[in-house]
C-alpha cells in the first residue's frame, strides 16, 4: 500500500460516526418477540446490557460499525508497517569494513 491508500483508509475510519463494541444477543423469546442484550467487556469485566426492542436495529448497526472500524484500523496498521519497512530497506547502506590501525589509540588529554 502507499500513502494514498492509507489516506483512503483513514477517510473511511473518519466516516464512522457511531459505534459500540460488543455482541447483540437474543436472551429469550417472549410473546411479543425476542428480548435482546448487548454483551461486551468494560474495564476488563464481562457486562450485559438490556437493549429495548425499539433500539435493536440501531445497536446492531453500531456493533457492525465497530467491527468495520477494527478491520480498518488493522488495515491501516498493516499499510504503515509495510511503508516503514520499505523506507528502511531503501535507506540501508552497506557497511564498509574500516581499516583498523595496528597502533593503539592513546588517551586524549582533557586540556
C-alpha atoms as a PDB file:
ATOM      1  CA  UNK A   1       0.000   0.000   0.000  1.00  0.00           C
ATOM      2  CA  UNK A   2       1.088   3.552  -0.494  1.00  0.00           C
ATOM      3  CA  UNK A   3       0.318   6.851   1.195  1.00  0.00           C
ATOM      4  CA  UNK A   4      -2.842   7.432  -0.824  1.00  0.00           C
ATOM      5  CA  UNK A   5      -4.215   4.045   0.300  1.00  0.00           C
ATOM      6  CA  UNK A   6      -3.507   4.858   3.945  1.00  0.00           C
ATOM      7  CA  UNK A   7      -5.271   8.196   3.471  1.00  0.00           C
ATOM      8  CA  UNK A   8      -8.283   6.381   1.992  1.00  0.00           C
ATOM      9  CA  UNK A   9      -8.401   4.031   4.977  1.00  0.00           C
ATOM     10  CA  UNK A  10      -8.235   6.997   7.355  1.00  0.00           C
ATOM     11  CA  UNK A  11     -11.080   8.636   5.433  1.00  0.00           C
ATOM     12  CA  UNK A  12     -13.203   5.501   5.815  1.00  0.00           C
ATOM     13  CA  UNK A  13     -12.435   5.445   9.548  1.00  0.00           C
ATOM     14  CA  UNK A  14     -13.468   9.106   9.856  1.00  0.00           C
ATOM     15  CA  UNK A  15     -16.795   8.354   8.144  1.00  0.00           C
ATOM     16  CA  UNK A  16     -17.850   6.064  11.004  1.00  0.00           C
ATOM     17  CA  UNK A  17     -19.813   8.319  13.334  1.00  0.00           C
ATOM     18  CA  UNK A  18     -21.409   5.802  15.715  1.00  0.00           C
ATOM     19  CA  UNK A  19     -20.099   2.504  17.003  1.00  0.00           C
ATOM     20  CA  UNK A  20     -20.338   0.263  20.000  1.00  0.00           C
ATOM     21  CA  UNK A  21     -18.239  -2.751  20.928  1.00  0.00           C
ATOM     22  CA  UNK A  22     -19.917  -5.992  21.805  1.00  0.00           C
ATOM     23  CA  UNK A  23     -22.275  -8.612  20.505  1.00  0.00           C
ATOM     24  CA  UNK A  24     -26.039  -8.298  20.249  1.00  0.00           C
ATOM     25  CA  UNK A  25     -27.642 -11.492  21.574  1.00  0.00           C
ATOM     26  CA  UNK A  26     -31.155 -12.842  21.958  1.00  0.00           C
ATOM     27  CA  UNK A  27     -31.854 -13.515  25.624  1.00  0.00           C
ATOM     28  CA  UNK A  28     -35.118 -15.353  25.120  1.00  0.00           C
ATOM     29  CA  UNK A  29     -38.284 -15.409  23.084  1.00  0.00           C
ATOM     30  CA  UNK A  30     -41.294 -13.622  24.556  1.00  0.00           C
ATOM     31  CA  UNK A  31     -44.913 -13.440  23.444  1.00  0.00           C
ATOM     32  CA  UNK A  32     -44.186 -10.207  21.544  1.00  0.00           C
ATOM     33  CA  UNK A  33     -40.876 -11.333  20.068  1.00  0.00           C
ATOM     34  CA  UNK A  34     -37.261 -11.775  21.170  1.00  0.00           C
ATOM     35  CA  UNK A  35     -35.581  -9.914  24.033  1.00  0.00           C
ATOM     36  CA  UNK A  36     -32.026  -8.732  23.361  1.00  0.00           C
ATOM     37  CA  UNK A  37     -28.965  -7.775  25.326  1.00  0.00           C
ATOM     38  CA  UNK A  38     -25.568  -6.386  24.396  1.00  0.00           C
ATOM     39  CA  UNK A  39     -22.600  -8.337  25.719  1.00  0.00           C
ATOM     40  CA  UNK A  40     -19.208  -6.628  25.912  1.00  0.00           C
ATOM     41  CA  UNK A  41     -16.172  -6.130  28.109  1.00  0.00           C
ATOM     42  CA  UNK A  42     -15.947  -2.948  30.169  1.00  0.00           C
ATOM     43  CA  UNK A  43     -12.724  -2.304  32.106  1.00  0.00           C
ATOM     44  CA  UNK A  44     -11.822  -5.982  31.867  1.00  0.00           C
ATOM     45  CA  UNK A  45     -15.178  -7.279  33.114  1.00  0.00           C
ATOM     46  CA  UNK A  46     -17.901  -9.009  31.120  1.00  0.00           C
ATOM     47  CA  UNK A  47     -21.002  -6.782  31.004  1.00  0.00           C
ATOM     48  CA  UNK A  48     -24.500  -7.456  29.651  1.00  0.00           C
ATOM     49  CA  UNK A  49     -26.886  -4.595  28.973  1.00  0.00           C
ATOM     50  CA  UNK A  50     -30.547  -4.954  28.113  1.00  0.00           C
ATOM     51  CA  UNK A  51     -31.474  -3.484  24.715  1.00  0.00           C
ATOM     52  CA  UNK A  52     -35.047  -2.206  24.338  1.00  0.00           C
ATOM     53  CA  UNK A  53     -36.920  -3.564  21.333  1.00  0.00           C
ATOM     54  CA  UNK A  54     -37.017  -0.165  19.592  1.00  0.00           C
ATOM     55  CA  UNK A  55     -33.201   0.145  19.774  1.00  0.00           C
ATOM     56  CA  UNK A  56     -32.231  -3.292  18.450  1.00  0.00           C
ATOM     57  CA  UNK A  57     -31.655  -2.164  14.847  1.00  0.00           C
ATOM     58  CA  UNK A  58     -29.586   0.840  15.969  1.00  0.00           C
ATOM     59  CA  UNK A  59     -27.422  -1.270  18.280  1.00  0.00           C
ATOM     60  CA  UNK A  60     -26.948  -3.885  15.536  1.00  0.00           C
ATOM     61  CA  UNK A  61     -25.749  -1.146  13.162  1.00  0.00           C
ATOM     62  CA  UNK A  62     -23.434   0.318  15.811  1.00  0.00           C
ATOM     63  CA  UNK A  63     -21.829  -3.040  16.622  1.00  0.00           C
ATOM     64  CA  UNK A  64     -21.358  -3.672  12.904  1.00  0.00           C
ATOM     65  CA  UNK A  65     -19.675  -0.261  12.597  1.00  0.00           C
ATOM     66  CA  UNK A  66     -17.322  -1.183  15.427  1.00  0.00           C
ATOM     67  CA  UNK A  67     -16.264  -4.384  13.633  1.00  0.00           C
ATOM     68  CA  UNK A  68     -15.655  -2.360  10.446  1.00  0.00           C
ATOM     69  CA  UNK A  69     -13.621   0.134  12.484  1.00  0.00           C
ATOM     70  CA  UNK A  70     -11.432  -2.628  13.916  1.00  0.00           C
ATOM     71  CA  UNK A  71     -10.837  -4.092  10.446  1.00  0.00           C
ATOM     72  CA  UNK A  72      -9.928  -0.669   9.027  1.00  0.00           C
ATOM     73  CA  UNK A  73      -7.521   0.041  11.886  1.00  0.00           C
ATOM     74  CA  UNK A  74      -5.846  -3.310  11.253  1.00  0.00           C
ATOM     75  CA  UNK A  75      -5.621  -2.485   7.541  1.00  0.00           C
ATOM     76  CA  UNK A  76      -4.147   0.960   8.309  1.00  0.00           C
ATOM     77  CA  UNK A  77      -1.572  -0.535  10.669  1.00  0.00           C
ATOM     78  CA  UNK A  78      -0.535  -3.069   8.013  1.00  0.00           C
ATOM     79  CA  UNK A  79      -0.171  -0.235   5.500  1.00  0.00           C
ATOM     80  CA  UNK A  80       2.039   1.843   7.802  1.00  0.00           C
ATOM     81  CA  UNK A  81       4.144  -1.189   8.768  1.00  0.00           C
ATOM     82  CA  UNK A  82       4.708  -2.023   5.094  1.00  0.00           C
ATOM     83  CA  UNK A  83       5.586   1.601   4.338  1.00  0.00           C
ATOM     84  CA  UNK A  84       8.029   1.730   7.272  1.00  0.00           C
ATOM     85  CA  UNK A  85       9.768  -1.476   6.228  1.00  0.00           C
ATOM     86  CA  UNK A  86      10.028  -0.303   2.616  1.00  0.00           C
ATOM     87  CA  UNK A  87      11.583   3.012   3.666  1.00  0.00           C
ATOM     88  CA  UNK A  88      14.003   1.258   5.991  1.00  0.00           C
ATOM     89  CA  UNK A  89      15.034  -1.185   3.262  1.00  0.00           C
ATOM     90  CA  UNK A  90      15.735   1.592   0.767  1.00  0.00           C
ATOM     91  CA  UNK A  91      17.737   3.634   3.273  1.00  0.00           C
ATOM     92  CA  UNK A  92      20.030   0.821   4.388  1.00  0.00           C
ATOM     93  CA  UNK A  93      23.610   1.377   3.339  1.00  0.00           C
ATOM     94  CA  UNK A  94      26.138  -1.373   3.127  1.00  0.00           C
ATOM     95  CA  UNK A  95      28.584  -1.247   5.968  1.00  0.00           C
ATOM     96  CA  UNK A  96      32.114  -0.878   4.744  1.00  0.00           C
ATOM     97  CA  UNK A  97      34.841  -2.562   6.646  1.00  0.00           C
ATOM     98  CA  UNK A  98      37.002   0.085   8.234  1.00  0.00           C
ATOM     99  CA  UNK A  99      40.695  -0.471   8.295  1.00  0.00           C
ATOM    100  CA  UNK A 100      41.981  -0.644  11.830  1.00  0.00           C
ATOM    101  CA  UNK A 101      45.349   0.680  12.715  1.00  0.00           C
ATOM    102  CA  UNK A 102      47.846  -1.549  14.442  1.00  0.00           C
ATOM    103  CA  UNK A 103      48.780   1.353  16.714  1.00  0.00           C
ATOM    104  CA  UNK A 104      46.725   1.589  19.912  1.00  0.00           C
ATOM    105  CA  UNK A 105      44.834   4.809  20.423  1.00  0.00           C
ATOM    106  CA  UNK A 106      46.162   6.940  23.199  1.00  0.00           C
ATOM    107  CA  UNK A 107      44.079   8.756  25.713  1.00  0.00           C
ATOM    108  CA  UNK A 108      43.126  12.276  24.785  1.00  0.00           C
ATOM    109  CA  UNK A 109      44.138  14.970  27.158  1.00  0.00           C
ATOM    110  CA  UNK A 110      41.344  16.877  28.871  1.00  0.00           C
ATOM    111  CA  UNK A 111      43.003  20.276  28.346  1.00  0.00           C
END
